Amino acid sequence: MTVEENRECLLKAPKGWEEFFQQLEQDQDFLALVDKVAEEASSKRVYPPLDHVYQALEKTSPSSVKVVILGQDPYFHEGQANGMAFSVGKGMKLPPSLINIYKELSYEYGYPISKENGDLSRWAEQGVLLLNASLTVRDGEPNSHADYGWDKVTDKIIEYLDRRDQYIVYLLWGSFAQKKAQIIHSPKACLIKTAHPSPLSANKGFFCSDCFYRANRFLKENGLSEIDFRIQD
């Protein structure tokens, strides 16, 4: 696509997020970020495809958010990133962190561990916002867009949700995600902090944390339907 087509793609507000994007488009830093990514994507491979950059928002409107899972960076190999944190397209090889997430769900709920389906769309459609701090990455270069300013955008998303009068669980896995606790102030927020599901840290407090069960217990106690975290091949 051309630079202008890329730019239009990045400025298009997902359904339900129009108010937020109207505010965002008044921010010159955001517009500069859009220009930078649009320019780069016209000549280099950038993931996810630009029409999937806001996939997490498209599948989970502000009013439907019940759980927020914070990731850091999109997957950086072709075909992996689909715009939702920790999620990959069905049929793609499962990343190690996602395998550990499935292991924890098996521990908590006895679910069979999916071996082929890494698509977490089913969670998103139930109100789980799968939000990465950075929304784009250059092919083969992890964290290559980490200093582009996406973190400011995604912080604004968290702050926008925090101002809404609704119960939300934040699953903060690892030190990076836990730093976001400082911008969450709502009395209706539930912060659940554990180690990251990465193989380097999962044994240090992610496994056996009951984080999914605790999230559902909070939702149930506050009159909301629980999330069915089951993923089937």
Protein backbone atom coordinates (compact mmCIF):
# COMPACT_ATOMS: atom_id res chain seq x y z
CA MET A 1 0.00 0.00 0.00
CA THR A 2 1.03 3.62 -0.45
CA VAL A 3 2.09 5.83 2.43
CA GLU A 4 -1.26 7.63 2.30
CA GLU A 5 -3.21 4.37 2.31
CA ASN A 6 -1.17 3.20 5.27
CA ARG A 7 -1.83 6.45 7.05
CA GLU A 8 -5.58 6.19 6.48
CA CYS A 9 -5.49 2.65 7.83
CA LEU A 10 -3.78 3.77 11.04
CA LEU A 11 -6.18 6.67 11.54
CA LYS A 12 -9.34 4.61 11.11
CA ALA A 13 -11.08 4.24 14.46
CA PRO A 14 -12.25 0.74 15.39
CA LYS A 15 -15.99 0.48 16.02
CA GLY A 16 -16.79 1.62 19.54
CA TRP A 17 -13.52 3.53 19.93
CA GLU A 18 -14.52 6.57 17.87
CA GLU A 19 -14.59 8.94 20.87
CA PHE A 20 -11.13 7.82 21.97
CA PHE A 21 -9.67 8.25 18.47
CA GLN A 22 -11.23 11.69 18.11
CA GLN A 23 -9.24 12.70 21.20
CA LEU A 24 -6.15 10.89 19.98
CA GLU A 25 -6.12 12.65 16.64
CA GLN A 26 -5.64 15.97 18.44
CA ASP A 27 -2.27 14.69 19.66
CA GLN A 28 0.61 15.76 17.41
CA ASP A 29 2.83 12.99 18.76
CA PHE A 30 0.28 10.41 17.64
CA LEU A 31 0.07 11.93 14.18
CA ALA A 32 3.86 11.88 13.92
CA LEU A 33 3.84 8.21 14.97
CA VAL A 34 1.27 7.40 12.29
CA ASP A 35 3.37 9.14 9.65
CA LYS A 36 6.51 7.26 10.72
CA VAL A 37 4.89 3.82 10.68
CA ALA A 38 3.03 4.54 7.43
CA GLU A 39 6.26 5.56 5.73
CA GLU A 40 8.18 2.55 6.99
CA ALA A 41 5.45 0.07 6.08
CA SER A 42 5.48 1.29 2.48
CA SER A 43 9.01 -0.01 1.95
CA LYS A 44 9.65 -2.59 4.70
CA ARG A 45 7.78 -5.45 6.29
CA VAL A 46 5.94 -4.32 9.39
CA TYR A 47 3.82 -6.59 11.60
CA PRO A 48 1.00 -7.06 12.12
CA PRO A 49 -0.44 -6.03 8.73
CA LEU A 50 -1.62 -2.46 9.18
CA ASP A 51 -5.28 -3.43 8.81
CA HIS A 52 -4.79 -5.63 11.90
CA VAL A 53 -2.90 -3.15 14.09
CA TYR A 54 -6.06 -2.33 16.08
CA GLN A 55 -7.46 -5.86 16.01
CA ALA A 56 -7.60 -6.04 19.81
CA LEU A 57 -9.73 -2.88 19.87
CA GLU A 58 -11.91 -4.03 16.99
CA LYS A 59 -12.83 -7.23 18.79
CA THR A 60 -13.33 -5.65 22.23
CA SER A 61 -15.19 -2.34 22.46
CA PRO A 62 -14.69 -0.13 25.55
CA SER A 63 -18.11 -0.97 26.99
CA SER A 64 -17.46 -4.71 26.70
CA VAL A 65 -14.01 -4.75 28.36
CA LYS A 66 -13.98 -6.95 31.47
CA VAL A 67 -10.36 -8.12 31.49
CA VAL A 68 -7.20 -6.47 30.18
CA ILE A 69 -4.11 -8.58 29.44
CA LEU A 70 -1.03 -6.50 28.76
CA GLY A 71 1.73 -7.66 26.45
CA GLN A 72 4.84 -5.81 25.37
CA ASP A 73 5.60 -6.21 21.66
CA PRO A 74 3.99 -7.92 18.65
CA TYR A 75 5.52 -11.13 17.35
CA PHE A 76 8.17 -10.25 14.78
CA HIS A 77 8.10 -13.13 12.27
CA GLU A 78 5.86 -13.34 9.22
CA GLY A 79 2.37 -14.65 9.88
CA GLN A 80 2.60 -14.56 13.69
CA ALA A 81 1.30 -11.18 14.82
CA ASN A 82 -2.46 -10.71 14.50
CA GLY A 83 -2.95 -7.54 16.52
CA MET A 84 -3.75 -9.23 19.85
CA ALA A 85 -1.24 -9.74 22.65
CA PHE A 86 0.02 -13.33 23.04
CA SER A 87 -2.23 -14.48 20.17
CA VAL A 88 -1.20 -16.01 16.84
CA GLY A 89 -3.20 -17.19 13.88
CA LYS A 90 -4.70 -20.66 14.01
CA GLY A 91 -2.25 -23.20 12.64
CA MET A 92 0.83 -21.14 13.53
CA LYS A 93 3.42 -22.67 15.84
CA LEU A 94 2.52 -21.75 19.42
CA PRO A 95 4.97 -19.33 21.08
CA PRO A 96 6.48 -20.54 24.39
CA SER A 97 4.66 -17.94 26.52
CA LEU A 98 1.30 -18.94 25.05
CA ILE A 99 2.03 -22.61 25.73
CA ASN A 100 2.66 -21.68 29.37
CA ILE A 101 -0.59 -19.73 29.49
CA TYR A 102 -2.39 -22.84 28.31
CA LYS A 103 -0.56 -24.91 30.94
CA GLU A 104 -1.75 -22.57 33.68
CA LEU A 105 -5.32 -22.80 32.40
CA SER A 106 -5.02 -26.58 32.45
CA TYR A 107 -3.85 -26.40 36.07
CA GLU A 108 -6.68 -24.07 37.08
CA TYR A 109 -9.59 -25.48 35.11
CA GLY A 110 -8.42 -28.83 33.76
CA TYR A 111 -8.71 -27.66 30.17
CA PRO A 112 -6.87 -29.74 27.57
CA ILE A 113 -3.79 -27.92 26.31
CA SER A 114 -4.31 -26.79 22.73
CA LYS A 115 -1.41 -27.73 20.45
CA GLU A 116 -2.50 -26.05 17.24
CA ASN A 117 -4.78 -23.11 18.03
CA GLY A 118 -3.12 -19.95 19.27
CA ASP A 119 -5.92 -17.63 18.16
CA LEU A 120 -7.31 -15.88 21.25
CA SER A 121 -10.17 -14.17 19.37
CA ARG A 122 -12.66 -16.12 21.48
CA TRP A 123 -11.35 -14.39 24.59
CA ALA A 124 -11.48 -10.98 22.93
CA GLU A 125 -15.09 -11.51 21.89
CA GLN A 126 -15.99 -12.16 25.54
CA GLY A 127 -14.44 -8.91 26.76
CA VAL A 128 -10.72 -9.67 27.14
CA LEU A 129 -8.67 -6.79 25.72
CA LEU A 130 -5.37 -8.29 24.54
CA LEU A 131 -3.30 -5.12 24.43
CA ASN A 132 0.37 -4.87 23.53
CA ALA A 133 2.30 -1.79 24.66
CA SER A 134 3.72 -1.40 21.14
CA LEU A 135 1.31 -2.09 18.30
CA THR A 136 3.80 -2.58 15.46
CA VAL A 137 7.24 -4.10 14.91
CA ARG A 138 9.71 -4.42 12.04
CA ASP A 139 10.22 -7.85 10.49
CA GLY A 140 12.78 -9.89 12.43
CA GLU A 141 13.60 -7.09 14.87
CA PRO A 142 11.97 -7.39 18.29
CA ASN A 143 11.16 -4.11 20.04
CA SER A 144 12.16 -2.19 16.90
CA HIS A 145 9.20 0.19 17.31
CA ALA A 146 9.36 0.37 21.09
CA ASP A 147 10.62 3.95 20.98
CA TYR A 148 8.17 5.17 18.34
CA GLY A 149 5.61 6.34 20.89
CA TRP A 150 3.10 3.49 20.89
CA ASP A 151 3.49 3.17 24.66
CA LYS A 152 1.99 6.63 25.08
CA VAL A 153 -0.97 5.62 22.93
CA THR A 154 -1.60 2.39 24.78
CA ASP A 155 -1.20 4.14 28.13
CA LYS A 156 -3.95 6.50 26.99
CA ILE A 157 -6.11 3.47 26.20
CA ILE A 158 -5.63 2.20 29.76
CA GLU A 159 -6.37 5.65 31.19
CA TYR A 160 -9.48 5.93 29.00
CA LEU A 161 -10.77 2.60 30.29
CA ASP A 162 -9.85 3.54 33.85
CA ARG A 163 -12.15 6.57 33.68
CA ARG A 164 -15.12 4.45 32.68
CA ASP A 165 -17.59 3.36 35.34
CA GLN A 166 -17.12 -0.39 34.96
CA TYR A 167 -15.43 -3.29 36.69
CA ILE A 168 -12.21 -4.33 34.95
CA VAL A 169 -9.59 -6.92 35.86
CA TYR A 170 -6.02 -6.17 34.82
CA LEU A 171 -3.77 -9.21 34.49
CA LEU A 172 -0.30 -7.74 34.95
CA TRP A 173 2.24 -10.39 34.01
CA GLY A 174 5.84 -9.43 34.71
CA SER A 175 7.56 -6.21 35.71
CA PHE A 176 6.87 -4.40 32.45
CA ALA A 177 3.11 -4.84 32.73
CA GLN A 178 3.12 -4.16 36.46
CA LYS A 179 4.53 -0.68 35.88
CA LYS A 180 1.17 0.17 34.30
CA ALA A 181 -0.44 -0.15 37.74
CA GLN A 182 0.58 3.44 38.45
CA ILE A 183 -1.89 4.78 35.86
CA ILE A 184 -4.83 2.66 37.07
CA HIS A 185 -6.83 4.37 39.82
CA SER A 186 -10.46 3.30 39.49
CA PRO A 187 -12.00 1.76 42.65
CA LYS A 188 -13.63 -0.76 40.29
CA ALA A 189 -10.28 -2.02 38.99
CA CYS A 190 -8.84 -5.34 40.13
CA LEU A 191 -5.08 -5.68 39.66
CA ILE A 192 -3.69 -9.22 39.59
CA LYS A 193 0.11 -9.30 39.47
CA THR A 194 2.13 -12.40 38.63
CA ALA A 195 5.40 -13.34 36.96
CA HIS A 196 5.44 -13.33 33.16
CA PRO A 197 4.49 -16.59 31.39
CA SER A 198 7.80 -16.61 29.52
CA PRO A 199 9.88 -19.80 30.03
CA LEU A 200 12.44 -17.59 31.78
CA SER A 201 10.04 -16.58 34.52
CA ALA A 202 6.91 -18.75 34.51
CA ASN A 203 8.24 -20.87 37.39
CA LYS A 204 8.79 -17.73 39.48
CA GLY A 205 5.14 -16.99 40.14
CA PHE A 206 3.05 -17.42 37.01
CA PHE A 207 2.46 -21.15 37.29
CA CYS A 208 -0.04 -22.01 40.03
CA SER A 209 -0.98 -18.33 40.44
CA ASP A 210 -4.71 -18.96 39.84
CA CYS A 211 -4.72 -15.65 37.97
CA PHE A 212 -7.54 -16.68 35.62
CA TYR A 213 -9.65 -18.13 38.42
CA ARG A 214 -9.12 -14.97 40.51
CA ALA A 215 -10.14 -12.80 37.57
CA ASN A 216 -13.35 -14.75 37.09
CA ARG A 217 -14.11 -14.70 40.80
CA PHE A 218 -13.87 -10.89 40.78
CA LEU A 219 -16.19 -10.66 37.77
CA LYS A 220 -18.72 -13.02 39.35
CA GLU A 221 -18.65 -11.18 42.68
CA ASN A 222 -19.51 -7.98 40.83
CA GLY A 223 -22.39 -9.37 38.81
CA LEU A 224 -20.57 -9.95 35.53
CA SER A 225 -20.41 -13.12 33.49
CA GLU A 226 -17.18 -15.07 33.76
CA ILE A 227 -14.76 -15.55 30.88
CA ASP A 228 -14.61 -19.00 29.33
CA PHE A 229 -10.87 -19.25 28.70
CA ARG A 230 -11.09 -22.62 26.99
CA ILE A 231 -9.29 -22.85 23.62
CA GLN A 232 -9.92 -25.88 21.43
CA ASP A 233 -7.94 -27.18 18.47
